[in-house]
Amino acid sequence: MTKPNNDKYSSILQGALRTFAEHGFHKSQVSKIAKAAGVADGTIYLYFKGKEHILIALFREKLGELVGKFRESLDENADPFDSLRKLCEIHYGELEQDVDFAVVTQLELRQSSLELRREIGDSFKPYIVLIEDILRRGVESGAFRADLDVKLTRLLVFGAMDEVVTSWLISGRKYSLRAQAKGTADFILRGLQA
């Protein structure tokens, strides 16, 4: 199944996102996704093999958009401190704006099978590489500690942001997620600076 460039494909992904967020991945039947997308049940199978493939495509698309927004907002020569701050702002801002995606990434994904999580993990790689690039630039420029373990630190940065989003959802979104970006970035940067 290839990604067609049309409205039905996008409608299916949006319908699936709403359905997964509302009912949970395991309780979401293709018929519910089709109804939310405004298409016939059979139309889903013209684009996807099943709901697992829809979830994988959803992550590929949404994370690709997130990486794209970050790359648009800063050039590769930007100050690594500013880059990390911008990363937090965009990460939190996008998930606060798209609560359904936040629910699916933070809560539903963790309940999926190991095999499905592995496939979705491939969608996360460009995002993790983006974090690694910021860290590597910081070390090379002398802004970040020379002894920084970039591979470990990229996971710690992502993990910290991930936990802040999960806590925000579990709290019932009682505060602004976007407002947590500065505090998160400042905390991380104190540990990274040379």
N, C-alpha and C. Protein backbone atom coordinates (compact mmCIF):
# COMPACT_ATOMS: atom_id res chain seq x y z
N MET A 1 0.84 -1.17 0.00
CA MET A 1 0.00 0.00 0.00
C MET A 1 0.89 1.25 0.00
N THR A 2 0.68 2.09 -0.94
CA THR A 2 1.47 3.32 -1.01
C THR A 2 0.64 4.49 -0.55
N LYS A 3 1.33 5.53 -0.21
CA LYS A 3 0.65 6.73 0.28
C LYS A 3 0.16 7.56 -0.90
N PRO A 4 -1.13 7.53 -1.14
CA PRO A 4 -1.65 8.38 -2.20
C PRO A 4 -1.75 9.81 -1.71
N ASN A 5 -1.66 10.72 -2.63
CA ASN A 5 -1.75 12.13 -2.27
C ASN A 5 -3.18 12.61 -2.52
N ASN A 6 -4.07 12.26 -1.60
CA ASN A 6 -5.45 12.71 -1.77
C ASN A 6 -6.15 12.91 -0.45
N ASP A 7 -7.35 13.45 -0.55
CA ASP A 7 -8.12 13.80 0.64
C ASP A 7 -8.60 12.59 1.42
N LYS A 8 -8.91 11.49 0.75
CA LYS A 8 -9.41 10.31 1.47
C LYS A 8 -8.33 9.75 2.40
N TYR A 9 -7.12 9.70 1.91
CA TYR A 9 -6.01 9.21 2.73
C TYR A 9 -5.89 10.07 4.00
N SER A 10 -5.88 11.37 3.84
CA SER A 10 -5.77 12.29 4.98
C SER A 10 -6.98 12.16 5.89
N SER A 11 -8.16 12.01 5.31
CA SER A 11 -9.37 11.85 6.12
C SER A 11 -9.32 10.58 6.95
N ILE A 12 -8.80 9.51 6.37
CA ILE A 12 -8.68 8.25 7.11
C ILE A 12 -7.72 8.42 8.28
N LEU A 13 -6.58 9.08 8.03
CA LEU A 13 -5.63 9.28 9.13
C LEU A 13 -6.24 10.13 10.24
N GLN A 14 -6.94 11.20 9.88
CA GLN A 14 -7.57 12.06 10.90
C GLN A 14 -8.68 11.31 11.63
N GLY A 15 -9.46 10.55 10.88
CA GLY A 15 -10.52 9.75 11.51
C GLY A 15 -9.95 8.72 12.46
N ALA A 16 -8.85 8.09 12.05
CA ALA A 16 -8.21 7.10 12.91
C ALA A 16 -7.65 7.75 14.17
N LEU A 17 -7.06 8.92 14.01
CA LEU A 17 -6.51 9.62 15.17
C LEU A 17 -7.61 9.90 16.20
N ARG A 18 -8.74 10.43 15.75
CA ARG A 18 -9.87 10.70 16.65
C ARG A 18 -10.38 9.42 17.29
N THR A 19 -10.49 8.38 16.49
CA THR A 19 -11.03 7.10 16.97
C THR A 19 -10.10 6.46 17.99
N PHE A 20 -8.80 6.42 17.68
CA PHE A 20 -7.83 5.84 18.62
C PHE A 20 -7.81 6.61 19.94
N ALA A 21 -7.89 7.94 19.85
CA ALA A 21 -7.86 8.76 21.06
C ALA A 21 -9.13 8.56 21.89
N GLU A 22 -10.25 8.42 21.23
CA GLU A 22 -11.53 8.30 21.94
C GLU A 22 -11.79 6.90 22.48
N HIS A 23 -11.49 5.88 21.68
CA HIS A 23 -11.85 4.51 22.05
C HIS A 23 -10.66 3.65 22.45
N GLY A 24 -9.46 4.12 22.18
CA GLY A 24 -8.28 3.29 22.40
C GLY A 24 -8.00 2.46 21.16
N PHE A 25 -6.75 2.17 20.94
CA PHE A 25 -6.36 1.44 19.73
C PHE A 25 -7.03 0.08 19.65
N HIS A 26 -7.04 -0.68 20.74
CA HIS A 26 -7.55 -2.05 20.72
C HIS A 26 -9.06 -2.11 20.52
N LYS A 27 -9.77 -1.10 20.95
CA LYS A 27 -11.23 -1.09 20.81
C LYS A 27 -11.70 -0.37 19.54
N SER A 28 -10.78 0.08 18.75
CA SER A 28 -11.12 0.81 17.52
C SER A 28 -11.21 -0.16 16.35
N GLN A 29 -12.43 -0.37 15.88
CA GLN A 29 -12.61 -1.21 14.70
C GLN A 29 -12.47 -0.34 13.45
N VAL A 30 -12.15 -1.00 12.36
CA VAL A 30 -12.02 -0.31 11.08
C VAL A 30 -13.31 0.43 10.74
N SER A 31 -14.45 -0.15 11.11
CA SER A 31 -15.74 0.50 10.81
C SER A 31 -15.87 1.84 11.56
N LYS A 32 -15.35 1.92 12.79
CA LYS A 32 -15.38 3.19 13.53
C LYS A 32 -14.47 4.22 12.88
N ILE A 33 -13.32 3.75 12.41
CA ILE A 33 -12.38 4.65 11.73
C ILE A 33 -13.01 5.18 10.45
N ALA A 34 -13.64 4.27 9.69
CA ALA A 34 -14.28 4.66 8.43
C ALA A 34 -15.39 5.69 8.69
N LYS A 35 -16.17 5.46 9.71
CA LYS A 35 -17.26 6.40 10.04
C LYS A 35 -16.69 7.76 10.40
N ALA A 36 -15.66 7.78 11.23
CA ALA A 36 -15.04 9.05 11.63
C ALA A 36 -14.40 9.76 10.44
N ALA A 37 -13.94 8.97 9.47
CA ALA A 37 -13.29 9.54 8.28
C ALA A 37 -14.29 9.95 7.21
N GLY A 38 -15.53 9.48 7.34
CA GLY A 38 -16.56 9.78 6.34
C GLY A 38 -16.36 8.99 5.05
N VAL A 39 -15.85 7.76 5.19
CA VAL A 39 -15.66 6.90 4.03
C VAL A 39 -16.28 5.54 4.30
N ALA A 40 -16.47 4.75 3.24
CA ALA A 40 -16.99 3.39 3.40
C ALA A 40 -15.90 2.50 4.01
N ASP A 41 -16.33 1.46 4.72
CA ASP A 41 -15.38 0.55 5.37
C ASP A 41 -14.35 0.01 4.38
N GLY A 42 -14.81 -0.39 3.21
CA GLY A 42 -13.92 -0.97 2.21
C GLY A 42 -12.87 0.01 1.70
N THR A 43 -13.18 1.28 1.76
CA THR A 43 -12.23 2.30 1.29
C THR A 43 -10.95 2.26 2.11
N ILE A 44 -11.08 1.96 3.38
CA ILE A 44 -9.90 1.88 4.26
C ILE A 44 -8.88 0.90 3.67
N TYR A 45 -9.38 -0.23 3.16
CA TYR A 45 -8.48 -1.28 2.68
C TYR A 45 -7.87 -0.96 1.31
N LEU A 46 -8.35 0.08 0.67
CA LEU A 46 -7.69 0.53 -0.56
C LEU A 46 -6.37 1.22 -0.23
N TYR A 47 -6.28 1.75 0.99
CA TYR A 47 -5.10 2.52 1.40
C TYR A 47 -4.24 1.82 2.45
N PHE A 48 -4.85 0.97 3.26
CA PHE A 48 -4.15 0.34 4.38
C PHE A 48 -4.54 -1.12 4.51
N LYS A 49 -3.60 -1.92 5.02
CA LYS A 49 -3.89 -3.35 5.24
C LYS A 49 -4.78 -3.56 6.47
N GLY A 50 -4.70 -2.66 7.42
CA GLY A 50 -5.49 -2.78 8.64
C GLY A 50 -5.19 -1.62 9.57
N LYS A 51 -5.77 -1.65 10.75
CA LYS A 51 -5.61 -0.51 11.66
C LYS A 51 -4.18 -0.36 12.16
N GLU A 52 -3.41 -1.45 12.22
CA GLU A 52 -2.01 -1.36 12.62
C GLU A 52 -1.24 -0.50 11.63
N HIS A 53 -1.49 -0.71 10.35
CA HIS A 53 -0.81 0.06 9.31
C HIS A 53 -1.26 1.53 9.30
N ILE A 54 -2.50 1.74 9.70
CA ILE A 54 -2.97 3.13 9.82
C ILE A 54 -2.21 3.83 10.93
N LEU A 55 -2.03 3.14 12.06
CA LEU A 55 -1.32 3.73 13.19
C LEU A 55 0.13 4.04 12.82
N ILE A 56 0.77 3.13 12.11
CA ILE A 56 2.16 3.35 11.68
C ILE A 56 2.23 4.56 10.75
N ALA A 57 1.32 4.63 9.78
CA ALA A 57 1.29 5.76 8.84
C ALA A 57 1.01 7.07 9.57
N LEU A 58 0.15 7.00 10.57
CA LEU A 58 -0.19 8.18 11.36
C LEU A 58 1.04 8.74 12.06
N PHE A 59 1.82 7.88 12.66
CA PHE A 59 3.04 8.32 13.33
C PHE A 59 4.05 8.86 12.32
N ARG A 60 4.19 8.18 11.21
CA ARG A 60 5.13 8.64 10.18
C ARG A 60 4.77 10.04 9.72
N GLU A 61 3.49 10.28 9.46
CA GLU A 61 3.03 11.58 8.97
C GLU A 61 3.19 12.67 10.04
N LYS A 62 2.68 12.40 11.24
CA LYS A 62 2.66 13.42 12.29
C LYS A 62 4.08 13.75 12.77
N LEU A 63 4.91 12.75 12.95
CA LEU A 63 6.28 13.03 13.39
C LEU A 63 7.08 13.70 12.28
N GLY A 64 6.78 13.34 11.05
CA GLY A 64 7.42 14.02 9.92
C GLY A 64 7.07 15.49 9.89
N GLU A 65 5.80 15.80 10.18
CA GLU A 65 5.37 17.21 10.25
C GLU A 65 6.09 17.93 11.38
N LEU A 66 6.22 17.26 12.53
CA LEU A 66 6.88 17.87 13.68
C LEU A 66 8.34 18.19 13.37
N VAL A 67 9.04 17.24 12.78
CA VAL A 67 10.45 17.46 12.40
C VAL A 67 10.52 18.57 11.35
N GLY A 68 9.61 18.57 10.40
CA GLY A 68 9.57 19.61 9.38
C GLY A 68 9.37 21.00 9.96
N LYS A 69 8.46 21.12 10.94
CA LYS A 69 8.22 22.42 11.57
C LYS A 69 9.46 22.90 12.31
N PHE A 70 10.15 21.99 12.94
CA PHE A 70 11.36 22.39 13.64
C PHE A 70 12.42 22.85 12.64
N ARG A 71 12.63 22.07 11.61
CA ARG A 71 13.66 22.42 10.62
C ARG A 71 13.33 23.75 9.92
N GLU A 72 12.05 24.06 9.73
CA GLU A 72 11.65 25.34 9.14
C GLU A 72 11.95 26.51 10.08
N SER A 73 11.85 26.28 11.38
CA SER A 73 11.96 27.38 12.33
C SER A 73 13.39 27.77 12.66
N LEU A 74 14.34 26.87 12.46
CA LEU A 74 15.73 27.17 12.77
C LEU A 74 16.64 26.62 11.69
N ASP A 75 17.68 27.37 11.37
CA ASP A 75 18.66 26.82 10.43
C ASP A 75 19.67 26.00 11.21
N GLU A 76 20.45 25.23 10.49
CA GLU A 76 21.39 24.31 11.13
C GLU A 76 22.55 25.01 11.83
N ASN A 77 22.72 26.30 11.61
CA ASN A 77 23.79 27.04 12.27
C ASN A 77 23.31 27.78 13.51
N ALA A 78 22.06 27.55 13.90
CA ALA A 78 21.49 28.24 15.05
C ALA A 78 22.21 27.83 16.34
N ASP A 79 22.18 28.72 17.30
CA ASP A 79 22.74 28.45 18.62
C ASP A 79 22.10 27.19 19.20
N PRO A 80 22.88 26.22 19.69
CA PRO A 80 22.30 24.98 20.22
C PRO A 80 21.37 25.21 21.41
N PHE A 81 21.63 26.25 22.21
CA PHE A 81 20.73 26.56 23.32
C PHE A 81 19.35 26.96 22.77
N ASP A 82 19.36 27.85 21.77
CA ASP A 82 18.10 28.28 21.15
C ASP A 82 17.40 27.11 20.46
N SER A 83 18.18 26.23 19.85
CA SER A 83 17.61 25.08 19.15
C SER A 83 16.88 24.16 20.13
N LEU A 84 17.49 23.90 21.27
CA LEU A 84 16.85 23.01 22.25
C LEU A 84 15.60 23.67 22.83
N ARG A 85 15.67 24.95 23.08
CA ARG A 85 14.48 25.67 23.57
C ARG A 85 13.35 25.59 22.54
N LYS A 86 13.70 25.79 21.27
CA LYS A 86 12.71 25.75 20.20
C LYS A 86 12.13 24.35 20.07
N LEU A 87 12.96 23.34 20.24
CA LEU A 87 12.49 21.96 20.20
C LEU A 87 11.40 21.73 21.24
N CYS A 88 11.64 22.17 22.46
CA CYS A 88 10.64 22.02 23.54
C CYS A 88 9.37 22.80 23.21
N GLU A 89 9.53 24.03 22.74
CA GLU A 89 8.36 24.85 22.40
C GLU A 89 7.50 24.20 21.33
N ILE A 90 8.13 23.71 20.28
CA ILE A 90 7.37 23.10 19.19
C ILE A 90 6.75 21.78 19.65
N HIS A 91 7.51 20.96 20.35
CA HIS A 91 7.02 19.67 20.84
C HIS A 91 5.77 19.88 21.70
N TYR A 92 5.88 20.73 22.69
CA TYR A 92 4.75 20.96 23.59
C TYR A 92 3.61 21.69 22.88
N GLY A 93 3.94 22.67 22.08
CA GLY A 93 2.91 23.43 21.38
C GLY A 93 2.08 22.58 20.45
N GLU A 94 2.74 21.72 19.70
CA GLU A 94 2.02 20.86 18.75
C GLU A 94 1.13 19.85 19.48
N LEU A 95 1.64 19.26 20.55
CA LEU A 95 0.84 18.27 21.28
C LEU A 95 -0.30 18.93 22.06
N GLU A 96 -0.08 20.14 22.55
CA GLU A 96 -1.18 20.85 23.23
C GLU A 96 -2.27 21.20 22.22
N GLN A 97 -1.87 21.53 21.03
CA GLN A 97 -2.82 21.90 19.98
C GLN A 97 -3.56 20.67 19.43
N ASP A 98 -2.92 19.52 19.42
CA ASP A 98 -3.51 18.30 18.88
C ASP A 98 -3.59 17.26 20.00
N VAL A 99 -4.59 17.42 20.85
CA VAL A 99 -4.73 16.57 22.03
C VAL A 99 -4.91 15.10 21.64
N ASP A 100 -5.63 14.85 20.55
CA ASP A 100 -5.82 13.46 20.12
C ASP A 100 -4.47 12.79 19.84
N PHE A 101 -3.58 13.50 19.17
CA PHE A 101 -2.26 12.93 18.90
C PHE A 101 -1.48 12.74 20.19
N ALA A 102 -1.61 13.67 21.12
CA ALA A 102 -0.94 13.54 22.41
C ALA A 102 -1.44 12.28 23.13
N VAL A 103 -2.73 12.05 23.13
CA VAL A 103 -3.29 10.87 23.78
C VAL A 103 -2.77 9.59 23.13
N VAL A 104 -2.78 9.56 21.81
CA VAL A 104 -2.33 8.36 21.11
C VAL A 104 -0.85 8.11 21.35
N THR A 105 -0.01 9.16 21.30
CA THR A 105 1.43 8.95 21.49
C THR A 105 1.76 8.59 22.93
N GLN A 106 1.11 9.22 23.88
CA GLN A 106 1.51 9.05 25.28
C GLN A 106 0.83 7.86 25.96
N LEU A 107 -0.40 7.59 25.61
CA LEU A 107 -1.13 6.57 26.35
C LEU A 107 -1.39 5.31 25.53
N GLU A 108 -1.92 5.46 24.34
CA GLU A 108 -2.29 4.30 23.53
C GLU A 108 -1.08 3.54 23.02
N LEU A 109 -0.06 4.24 22.60
CA LEU A 109 1.11 3.59 22.04
C LEU A 109 1.74 2.61 23.02
N ARG A 110 1.73 2.94 24.28
CA ARG A 110 2.36 2.10 25.30
C ARG A 110 1.60 0.78 25.51
N GLN A 111 0.36 0.73 25.03
CA GLN A 111 -0.45 -0.48 25.20
C GLN A 111 -0.41 -1.36 23.96
N SER A 112 0.29 -0.94 22.93
CA SER A 112 0.37 -1.71 21.70
C SER A 112 1.35 -2.86 21.85
N SER A 113 1.28 -3.79 20.91
CA SER A 113 2.17 -4.96 20.94
C SER A 113 3.62 -4.52 20.71
N LEU A 114 4.53 -5.36 21.14
CA LEU A 114 5.96 -5.07 20.99
C LEU A 114 6.32 -4.91 19.51
N GLU A 115 5.78 -5.77 18.66
CA GLU A 115 6.08 -5.69 17.23
C GLU A 115 5.59 -4.37 16.63
N LEU A 116 4.40 -3.95 17.02
CA LEU A 116 3.86 -2.69 16.51
C LEU A 116 4.67 -1.51 17.03
N ARG A 117 5.07 -1.55 18.30
CA ARG A 117 5.90 -0.48 18.86
C ARG A 117 7.23 -0.39 18.14
N ARG A 118 7.79 -1.52 17.74
CA ARG A 118 9.06 -1.51 17.00
C ARG A 118 8.88 -0.81 15.65
N GLU A 119 7.80 -1.13 14.96
CA GLU A 119 7.56 -0.51 13.65
C GLU A 119 7.34 0.99 13.79
N ILE A 120 6.61 1.37 14.82
CA ILE A 120 6.37 2.79 15.06
C ILE A 120 7.67 3.48 15.47
N GLY A 121 8.52 2.74 16.17
CA GLY A 121 9.81 3.28 16.58
C GLY A 121 10.63 3.79 15.40
N ASP A 122 10.47 3.15 14.25
CA ASP A 122 11.16 3.63 13.05
C ASP A 122 10.71 5.04 12.68
N SER A 123 9.45 5.36 12.96
CA SER A 123 8.93 6.70 12.67
C SER A 123 9.55 7.74 13.59
N PHE A 124 9.97 7.31 14.78
CA PHE A 124 10.58 8.23 15.75
C PHE A 124 12.04 8.55 15.43
N LYS A 125 12.67 7.71 14.62
CA LYS A 125 14.11 7.88 14.36
C LYS A 125 14.48 9.27 13.86
N PRO A 126 13.78 9.84 12.87
CA PRO A 126 14.18 11.18 12.42
C PRO A 126 14.10 12.23 13.54
N TYR A 127 13.16 12.05 14.45
CA TYR A 127 13.01 12.98 15.56
C TYR A 127 14.18 12.84 16.53
N ILE A 128 14.55 11.60 16.82
CA ILE A 128 15.67 11.33 17.71
C ILE A 128 16.97 11.83 17.07
N VAL A 129 17.12 11.63 15.76
CA VAL A 129 18.30 12.12 15.05
C VAL A 129 18.38 13.64 15.13
N LEU A 130 17.23 14.30 15.03
CA LEU A 130 17.18 15.76 15.14
C LEU A 130 17.71 16.22 16.50
N ILE A 131 17.29 15.55 17.56
CA ILE A 131 17.79 15.88 18.91
C ILE A 131 19.29 15.62 18.98
N GLU A 132 19.71 14.51 18.43
CA GLU A 132 21.14 14.17 18.43
C GLU A 132 21.95 15.23 17.68
N ASP A 133 21.43 15.71 16.58
CA ASP A 133 22.13 16.75 15.80
C ASP A 133 22.32 18.02 16.63
N ILE A 134 21.30 18.41 17.37
CA ILE A 134 21.41 19.60 18.23
C ILE A 134 22.50 19.38 19.28
N LEU A 135 22.49 18.22 19.89
CA LEU A 135 23.48 17.92 20.93
C LEU A 135 24.89 17.88 20.36
N ARG A 136 25.05 17.24 19.21
CA ARG A 136 26.37 17.14 18.59
C ARG A 136 26.90 18.52 18.22
N ARG A 137 26.02 19.37 17.66
CA ARG A 137 26.43 20.74 17.32
C ARG A 137 26.85 21.50 18.58
N GLY A 138 26.12 21.28 19.67
CA GLY A 138 26.47 21.94 20.92
C GLY A 138 27.83 21.53 21.45
N VAL A 139 28.15 20.24 21.33
CA VAL A 139 29.45 19.75 21.77
C VAL A 139 30.55 20.30 20.86
N GLU A 140 30.32 20.23 19.55
CA GLU A 140 31.33 20.68 18.58
C GLU A 140 31.61 22.18 18.69
N SER A 141 30.59 22.96 19.05
CA SER A 141 30.78 24.41 19.16
C SER A 141 31.37 24.82 20.51
N GLY A 142 31.42 23.88 21.46
CA GLY A 142 31.93 24.18 22.79
C GLY A 142 30.87 24.71 23.73
N ALA A 143 29.62 24.81 23.26
CA ALA A 143 28.53 25.29 24.12
C ALA A 143 28.11 24.23 25.13
N PHE A 144 28.17 22.94 24.73
CA PHE A 144 27.81 21.84 25.61
C PHE A 144 29.08 21.12 26.06
N ARG A 145 28.97 20.41 27.15
CA ARG A 145 30.11 19.69 27.74
C ARG A 145 30.77 18.77 26.73
N ALA A 146 32.07 18.73 26.73
CA ALA A 146 32.84 17.90 25.80
C ALA A 146 32.67 16.41 26.10
N ASP A 147 32.39 16.08 27.37
CA ASP A 147 32.27 14.67 27.75
C ASP A 147 30.85 14.14 27.62
N LEU A 148 30.00 14.87 26.95
CA LEU A 148 28.59 14.50 26.81
C LEU A 148 28.44 13.22 26.00
N ASP A 149 27.71 12.27 26.53
CA ASP A 149 27.37 11.05 25.79
C ASP A 149 26.11 11.39 24.98
N VAL A 150 26.31 11.71 23.71
CA VAL A 150 25.23 12.22 22.86
C VAL A 150 24.10 11.20 22.72
N LYS A 151 24.43 9.93 22.55
CA LYS A 151 23.40 8.90 22.35
C LYS A 151 22.54 8.74 23.61
N LEU A 152 23.15 8.76 24.77
CA LEU A 152 22.39 8.67 26.01
C LEU A 152 21.58 9.95 26.24
N THR A 153 22.20 11.08 26.02
CA THR A 153 21.56 12.36 26.30
C THR A 153 20.34 12.59 25.40
N ARG A 154 20.40 12.15 24.15
CA ARG A 154 19.24 12.33 23.26
C ARG A 154 18.03 11.60 23.82
N LEU A 155 18.27 10.43 24.42
CA LEU A 155 17.16 9.68 25.03
C LEU A 155 16.65 10.38 26.28
N LEU A 156 17.56 10.95 27.05
CA LEU A 156 17.16 11.67 28.26
C LEU A 156 16.34 12.92 27.93
N VAL A 157 16.75 13.63 26.89
CA VAL A 157 16.01 14.83 26.46
C VAL A 157 14.62 14.43 26.01
N PHE A 158 14.53 13.44 25.13
CA PHE A 158 13.23 12.99 24.65
C PHE A 158 12.38 12.46 25.81
N GLY A 159 13.01 11.67 26.68
CA GLY A 159 12.29 11.10 27.82
C GLY A 159 11.74 12.15 28.76
N ALA A 160 12.48 13.21 28.98
CA ALA A 160 12.01 14.29 29.85
C ALA A 160 10.79 14.96 29.24
N MET A 161 10.87 15.28 27.95
CA MET A 161 9.72 15.93 27.29
C MET A 161 8.52 14.98 27.28
N ASP A 162 8.77 13.72 27.02
CA ASP A 162 7.72 12.71 26.98
C ASP A 162 6.99 12.63 28.33
N GLU A 163 7.75 12.65 29.41
CA GLU A 163 7.15 12.56 30.75
C GLU A 163 6.31 13.80 31.08
N VAL A 164 6.79 14.96 30.67
CA VAL A 164 6.03 16.20 30.92
C VAL A 164 4.68 16.13 30.20
N VAL A 165 4.67 15.63 28.97
CA VAL A 165 3.42 15.53 28.21
C VAL A 165 2.49 14.51 28.86
N THR A 166 3.02 13.37 29.27
CA THR A 166 2.20 12.34 29.93
C THR A 166 1.58 12.89 31.21
N SER A 167 2.36 13.58 32.01
CA SER A 167 1.84 14.16 33.26
C SER A 167 0.74 15.18 32.98
N TRP A 168 0.92 15.97 31.93
CA TRP A 168 -0.08 16.97 31.54
C TRP A 168 -1.40 16.28 31.18
N LEU A 169 -1.33 15.19 30.43
CA LEU A 169 -2.54 14.47 30.05
C LEU A 169 -3.21 13.84 31.27
N ILE A 170 -2.41 13.19 32.10
CA ILE A 170 -2.96 12.51 33.28
C ILE A 170 -3.60 13.51 34.24
N SER A 171 -3.07 14.72 34.30
CA SER A 171 -3.64 15.74 35.19
C SER A 171 -4.96 16.30 34.66
N GLY A 172 -5.34 15.89 33.46
CA GLY A 172 -6.56 16.42 32.86
C GLY A 172 -6.33 17.71 32.12
N ARG A 173 -5.07 17.98 31.75
CA ARG A 173 -4.71 19.18 31.00
C ARG A 173 -5.16 20.45 31.74
N LYS A 174 -4.88 20.50 33.02
CA LYS A 174 -5.30 21.62 33.87
C LYS A 174 -4.41 22.84 33.75
N TYR A 175 -3.35 22.75 33.00
CA TYR A 175 -2.41 23.87 32.83
C TYR A 175 -1.92 23.85 31.39
N SER A 176 -1.22 24.88 31.01
CA SER A 176 -0.70 24.98 29.65
C SER A 176 0.55 24.12 29.50
N LEU A 177 0.51 23.21 28.56
CA LEU A 177 1.70 22.41 28.26
C LEU A 177 2.78 23.29 27.65
N ARG A 178 2.38 24.15 26.76
CA ARG A 178 3.32 25.05 26.08
C ARG A 178 4.11 25.89 27.10
N ALA A 179 3.47 26.25 28.20
CA ALA A 179 4.12 27.07 29.23
C ALA A 179 5.23 26.30 29.97
N GLN A 180 5.27 24.98 29.79
CA GLN A 180 6.29 24.17 30.45
C GLN A 180 7.60 24.10 29.65
N ALA A 181 7.59 24.63 28.43
CA ALA A 181 8.75 24.52 27.54
C ALA A 181 9.99 25.20 28.12
N LYS A 182 9.85 26.41 28.60
CA LYS A 182 11.01 27.15 29.11
C LYS A 182 11.64 26.43 30.30
N GLY A 183 10.82 26.01 31.25
CA GLY A 183 11.34 25.32 32.43
C GLY A 183 12.02 24.01 32.07
N THR A 184 11.44 23.28 31.12
CA THR A 184 12.04 22.02 30.69
C THR A 184 13.39 22.28 30.03
N ALA A 185 13.41 23.21 29.09
CA ALA A 185 14.66 23.50 28.37
C ALA A 185 15.73 24.03 29.32
N ASP A 186 15.36 24.93 30.23
CA ASP A 186 16.34 25.48 31.18
C ASP A 186 16.94 24.38 32.04
N PHE A 187 16.11 23.46 32.50
CA PHE A 187 16.59 22.35 33.32
C PHE A 187 17.58 21.48 32.55
N ILE A 188 17.21 21.11 31.33
CA ILE A 188 18.08 20.27 30.51
C ILE A 188 19.38 20.99 30.18
N LEU A 189 19.27 22.26 29.80
CA LEU A 189 20.45 23.01 29.38
C LEU A 189 21.46 23.20 30.51
N ARG A 190 20.99 23.29 31.76
CA ARG A 190 21.93 23.42 32.88
C ARG A 190 22.84 22.20 32.97
N GLY A 191 22.32 21.04 32.64
CA GLY A 191 23.13 19.84 32.67
C GLY A 191 24.03 19.67 31.45
N LEU A 192 23.71 20.38 30.37
CA LEU A 192 24.47 20.23 29.13
C LEU A 192 25.57 21.25 28.96
N GLN A 193 25.39 22.43 29.53
CA GLN A 193 26.32 23.52 29.21
C GLN A 193 27.73 23.24 29.69
N ALA A 194 28.67 23.76 28.92
CA ALA A 194 30.10 23.55 29.21
C ALA A 194 30.49 24.35 30.44
